[in-house]
Each structure stands twice: as structure tokens, then as C-alpha cells.
Amino acid sequence: MDLAGTLRRARFAPIGIASSLRLGAATAIWDQLAGAVLVAAAILVLFTFTDYGVTWDEDVHNWYGILALDYYLSLFADQRALHWLNLYNYGAAIDMVAALLNRFSSLGVYETRHLLNGLVGVVGLVGC
């Protein structure tokens, strides 16, 4: 008898099937619980993003996002973002997205940033 044939028969044995069904059921329960936590986190973000104050560096990051967005929209001609304090050492992606959203958002500048930050946090939890 070869090893491959033994493994194939073992996989379809009644004990193997029952064991895999139990494992699948346990995994499904944890997946459902994780989904419920993610939904709860998203709801928490949606209901509380307007309740937070402005952090000490949020104004600086807001301006950096505007300058970085202008840098790309001007096709690299407006280079103010390259010399804005020391923020040129940091990534500007989230600040640029916030600046772009603020151009269309009916929310306040910081409320829009807080909503974006909260939703990015929830997406980060999904990734985890």
C-alpha cells in the first residue's frame, strides 16, 4: 500500500469528515464573531467621529495634506510640500486623501479627517 492511497482513504474516513466538519464549524463561529466585532467597530466610528477634538499636530498634517495634494495636482511644479517643516520625512498619503475628501465633504475639515482615520482603522482590523 502506498502513502498517497493511505492519505486519500484517511481523508474520506468518517472520523476525518466529522473532525473537519467540527473544525469548519468552529472556524465559522470565530469568523462570525470577528465580523460582528468589525461591524461594531464601524458603527462606533460612524457614531463617534464628530465627538473628538483636534490633536496638537492635526492642523500641521492638514496643511501638509493640502500642500502634498497641490504638489501632485500641479504635476510637481508646486514644491512647497517638499519643505513643509519636517513632514517631508513622512508619508503624505493619508493627509493627501483627507485633503482631497475635504474638497468634497460637507463635514468639517477635522470631522472628515476623523471619519477617514476611523474607517482606515477598521480596514486595518479587517486586514489583521
C-alpha atoms as a PDB file:
ATOM      1  CA  MET A   1       0.000   0.000   0.000  1.00  0.00           C
ATOM      2  CA  ASP A   2       1.406   3.397  -0.908  1.00  0.00           C
ATOM      3  CA  LEU A   3       1.369   6.503   1.291  1.00  0.00           C
ATOM      4  CA  ALA A   4      -0.757   8.578  -1.109  1.00  0.00           C
ATOM      5  CA  GLY A   5      -3.510   5.955  -1.166  1.00  0.00           C
ATOM      6  CA  THR A   6      -3.497   5.756   2.628  1.00  0.00           C
ATOM      7  CA  LEU A   7      -3.792   9.531   2.940  1.00  0.00           C
ATOM      8  CA  ARG A   8      -6.668   9.661   0.438  1.00  0.00           C
ATOM      9  CA  ARG A   9      -8.589   6.966   2.326  1.00  0.00           C
ATOM     10  CA  ALA A  10      -7.877   8.635   5.675  1.00  0.00           C
ATOM     11  CA  ARG A  11      -9.199  11.953   4.413  1.00  0.00           C
ATOM     12  CA  PHE A  12     -12.536  10.417   3.475  1.00  0.00           C
ATOM     13  CA  ALA A  13     -12.867   8.241   6.571  1.00  0.00           C
ATOM     14  CA  PRO A  14     -15.915   9.046   8.734  1.00  0.00           C
ATOM     15  CA  ILE A  15     -13.756  10.293  11.611  1.00  0.00           C
ATOM     16  CA  GLY A  16     -11.814  12.596   9.263  1.00  0.00           C
ATOM     17  CA  ILE A  17     -15.039  14.038   7.858  1.00  0.00           C
ATOM     18  CA  ALA A  18     -16.553  14.619  11.295  1.00  0.00           C
ATOM     19  CA  SER A  19     -13.351  16.189  12.528  1.00  0.00           C
ATOM     20  CA  SER A  20     -13.133  18.541   9.570  1.00  0.00           C
ATOM     21  CA  LEU A  21     -16.805  19.480   9.968  1.00  0.00           C
ATOM     22  CA  ARG A  22     -16.219  20.361  13.620  1.00  0.00           C
ATOM     23  CA  LEU A  23     -13.166  22.377  12.654  1.00  0.00           C
ATOM     24  CA  GLY A  24     -15.142  24.133   9.915  1.00  0.00           C
ATOM     25  CA  ALA A  25     -17.975  24.918  12.337  1.00  0.00           C
ATOM     26  CA  ALA A  26     -15.557  26.299  14.910  1.00  0.00           C
ATOM     27  CA  THR A  27     -13.873  28.424  12.255  1.00  0.00           C
ATOM     28  CA  ALA A  28     -17.248  29.704  11.062  1.00  0.00           C
ATOM     29  CA  ILE A  29     -18.177  30.748  14.606  1.00  0.00           C
ATOM     30  CA  TRP A  30     -14.922  32.679  15.029  1.00  0.00           C
ATOM     31  CA  ASP A  31     -15.376  34.260  11.601  1.00  0.00           C
ATOM     32  CA  GLN A  32     -18.877  35.379  12.586  1.00  0.00           C
ATOM     33  CA  LEU A  33     -17.622  36.791  15.894  1.00  0.00           C
ATOM     34  CA  ALA A  34     -14.820  38.636  14.121  1.00  0.00           C
ATOM     35  CA  GLY A  35     -17.328  40.004  11.621  1.00  0.00           C
ATOM     36  CA  ALA A  36     -19.563  41.184  14.457  1.00  0.00           C
ATOM     37  CA  VAL A  37     -16.616  42.964  16.110  1.00  0.00           C
ATOM     38  CA  LEU A  38     -15.750  44.663  12.814  1.00  0.00           C
ATOM     39  CA  VAL A  39     -19.346  45.778  12.286  1.00  0.00           C
ATOM     40  CA  ALA A  40     -19.444  47.068  15.872  1.00  0.00           C
ATOM     41  CA  ALA A  41     -16.178  48.960  15.313  1.00  0.00           C
ATOM     42  CA  ALA A  42     -17.528  50.531  12.104  1.00  0.00           C
ATOM     43  CA  ILE A  43     -20.740  51.558  13.869  1.00  0.00           C
ATOM     44  CA  LEU A  44     -18.715  53.005  16.736  1.00  0.00           C
ATOM     45  CA  VAL A  45     -16.677  55.060  14.261  1.00  0.00           C
ATOM     46  CA  LEU A  46     -19.808  56.313  12.484  1.00  0.00           C
ATOM     47  CA  PHE A  47     -21.467  57.377  15.723  1.00  0.00           C
ATOM     48  CA  THR A  48     -18.452  58.969  17.428  1.00  0.00           C
ATOM     49  CA  PHE A  49     -16.203  60.570  14.777  1.00  0.00           C
ATOM     50  CA  THR A  50     -17.687  64.015  15.475  1.00  0.00           C
ATOM     51  CA  ASP A  51     -17.030  63.739  19.213  1.00  0.00           C
ATOM     52  CA  TYR A  52     -13.247  64.097  19.170  1.00  0.00           C
ATOM     53  CA  GLY A  53     -11.196  67.251  19.450  1.00  0.00           C
ATOM     54  CA  VAL A  54      -8.337  68.373  17.272  1.00  0.00           C
ATOM     55  CA  THR A  55      -4.962  66.915  18.219  1.00  0.00           C
ATOM     56  CA  TRP A  56      -1.915  69.139  18.656  1.00  0.00           C
ATOM     57  CA  ASP A  57      -0.428  68.229  15.261  1.00  0.00           C
ATOM     58  CA  GLU A  58      -3.604  67.749  13.255  1.00  0.00           C
ATOM     59  CA  ASP A  59      -3.565  71.278  11.845  1.00  0.00           C
ATOM     60  CA  VAL A  60       0.001  70.768  10.618  1.00  0.00           C
ATOM     61  CA  HIS A  61      -0.954  67.474   8.959  1.00  0.00           C
ATOM     62  CA  ASN A  62      -3.995  69.101   7.410  1.00  0.00           C
ATOM     63  CA  TRP A  63      -1.821  71.754   5.775  1.00  0.00           C
ATOM     64  CA  TYR A  64       0.733  69.158   4.723  1.00  0.00           C
ATOM     65  CA  GLY A  65      -2.016  67.172   3.010  1.00  0.00           C
ATOM     66  CA  ILE A  66      -3.143  70.265   1.114  1.00  0.00           C
ATOM     67  CA  LEU A  67       0.415  71.049   0.039  1.00  0.00           C
ATOM     68  CA  ALA A  68       1.124  67.454  -0.994  1.00  0.00           C
ATOM     69  CA  LEU A  69      -2.111  67.328  -2.987  1.00  0.00           C
ATOM     70  CA  ASP A  70      -1.174  70.612  -4.691  1.00  0.00           C
ATOM     71  CA  TYR A  71       2.249  69.131  -5.492  1.00  0.00           C
ATOM     72  CA  TYR A  72       0.682  66.276  -7.436  1.00  0.00           C
ATOM     73  CA  LEU A  73      -2.128  68.316  -8.973  1.00  0.00           C
ATOM     74  CA  SER A  74       0.417  70.849 -10.292  1.00  0.00           C
ATOM     75  CA  LEU A  75       2.381  67.958 -11.832  1.00  0.00           C
ATOM     76  CA  PHE A  76       5.265  68.548  -9.378  1.00  0.00           C
ATOM     77  CA  ALA A  77       5.585  72.297 -10.030  1.00  0.00           C
ATOM     78  CA  ASP A  78       4.298  73.417  -6.604  1.00  0.00           C
ATOM     79  CA  GLN A  79       7.079  72.158  -4.339  1.00  0.00           C
ATOM     80  CA  ARG A  80       6.022  73.708  -1.038  1.00  0.00           C
ATOM     81  CA  ALA A  81       5.258  70.245   0.370  1.00  0.00           C
ATOM     82  CA  LEU A  82       8.907  69.277  -0.039  1.00  0.00           C
ATOM     83  CA  HIS A  83       9.944  71.892   2.512  1.00  0.00           C
ATOM     84  CA  TRP A  84       6.981  71.959   4.924  1.00  0.00           C
ATOM     85  CA  LEU A  85       8.502  71.787   8.404  1.00  0.00           C
ATOM     86  CA  ASN A  86       9.946  68.278   8.735  1.00  0.00           C
ATOM     87  CA  LEU A  87       6.911  66.460   7.348  1.00  0.00           C
ATOM     88  CA  TYR A  88       8.637  65.752   4.054  1.00  0.00           C
ATOM     89  CA  ASN A  89      10.291  62.928   6.027  1.00  0.00           C
ATOM     90  CA  TYR A  90       6.922  61.226   6.472  1.00  0.00           C
ATOM     91  CA  GLY A  91       4.440  59.690   4.089  1.00  0.00           C
ATOM     92  CA  ALA A  92       1.714  62.026   2.936  1.00  0.00           C
ATOM     93  CA  ALA A  93      -0.823  59.523   1.595  1.00  0.00           C
ATOM     94  CA  ILE A  94      -3.415  59.717   4.388  1.00  0.00           C
ATOM     95  CA  ASP A  95      -3.010  63.510   4.644  1.00  0.00           C
ATOM     96  CA  MET A  96      -3.499  63.854   0.867  1.00  0.00           C
ATOM     97  CA  VAL A  97      -6.589  61.646   0.880  1.00  0.00           C
ATOM     98  CA  ALA A  98      -8.020  63.742   3.720  1.00  0.00           C
ATOM     99  CA  ALA A  99      -7.252  66.953   1.807  1.00  0.00           C
ATOM    100  CA  LEU A 100      -8.926  65.538  -1.302  1.00  0.00           C
ATOM    101  CA  LEU A 101     -12.000  64.407   0.649  1.00  0.00           C
ATOM    102  CA  ASN A 102     -12.216  67.830   2.302  1.00  0.00           C
ATOM    103  CA  ARG A 103     -12.706  69.397  -1.108  1.00  0.00           C
ATOM    104  CA  PHE A 104     -15.974  67.472  -1.494  1.00  0.00           C
ATOM    105  CA  SER A 105     -17.103  66.772   2.056  1.00  0.00           C
ATOM    106  CA  SER A 106     -19.976  68.619   3.649  1.00  0.00           C
ATOM    107  CA  LEU A 107     -18.488  67.784   7.052  1.00  0.00           C
ATOM    108  CA  GLY A 108     -15.931  69.976   8.738  1.00  0.00           C
ATOM    109  CA  VAL A 109     -12.240  69.658   7.933  1.00  0.00           C
ATOM    110  CA  TYR A 110     -11.400  67.761  11.097  1.00  0.00           C
ATOM    111  CA  GLU A 111     -14.591  65.726  11.172  1.00  0.00           C
ATOM    112  CA  THR A 112     -13.759  64.455   7.692  1.00  0.00           C
ATOM    113  CA  ARG A 113     -10.234  63.568   8.836  1.00  0.00           C
ATOM    114  CA  HIS A 114     -11.576  61.783  11.919  1.00  0.00           C
ATOM    115  CA  LEU A 115     -14.054  59.763   9.864  1.00  0.00           C
ATOM    116  CA  LEU A 116     -11.313  58.813   7.397  1.00  0.00           C
ATOM    117  CA  ASN A 117      -8.938  57.836  10.210  1.00  0.00           C
ATOM    118  CA  GLY A 118     -11.593  55.724  11.900  1.00  0.00           C
ATOM    119  CA  LEU A 119     -12.543  53.914   8.697  1.00  0.00           C
ATOM    120  CA  VAL A 120      -8.890  53.280   7.855  1.00  0.00           C
ATOM    121  CA  GLY A 121      -8.564  51.794  11.340  1.00  0.00           C
ATOM    122  CA  VAL A 122     -11.493  49.455  10.701  1.00  0.00           C
ATOM    123  CA  VAL A 123      -9.963  48.411   7.358  1.00  0.00           C
ATOM    124  CA  GLY A 124      -6.720  47.749   9.240  1.00  0.00           C
ATOM    125  CA  LEU A 125      -8.635  45.483  11.617  1.00  0.00           C
ATOM    126  CA  VAL A 126     -10.062  43.613   8.621  1.00  0.00           C
ATOM    127  CA  GLY A 127      -6.508  43.093   7.393  1.00  0.00           C
ATOM    128  CA  CYS A 128      -5.480  41.720  10.760  1.00  0.00           C
END
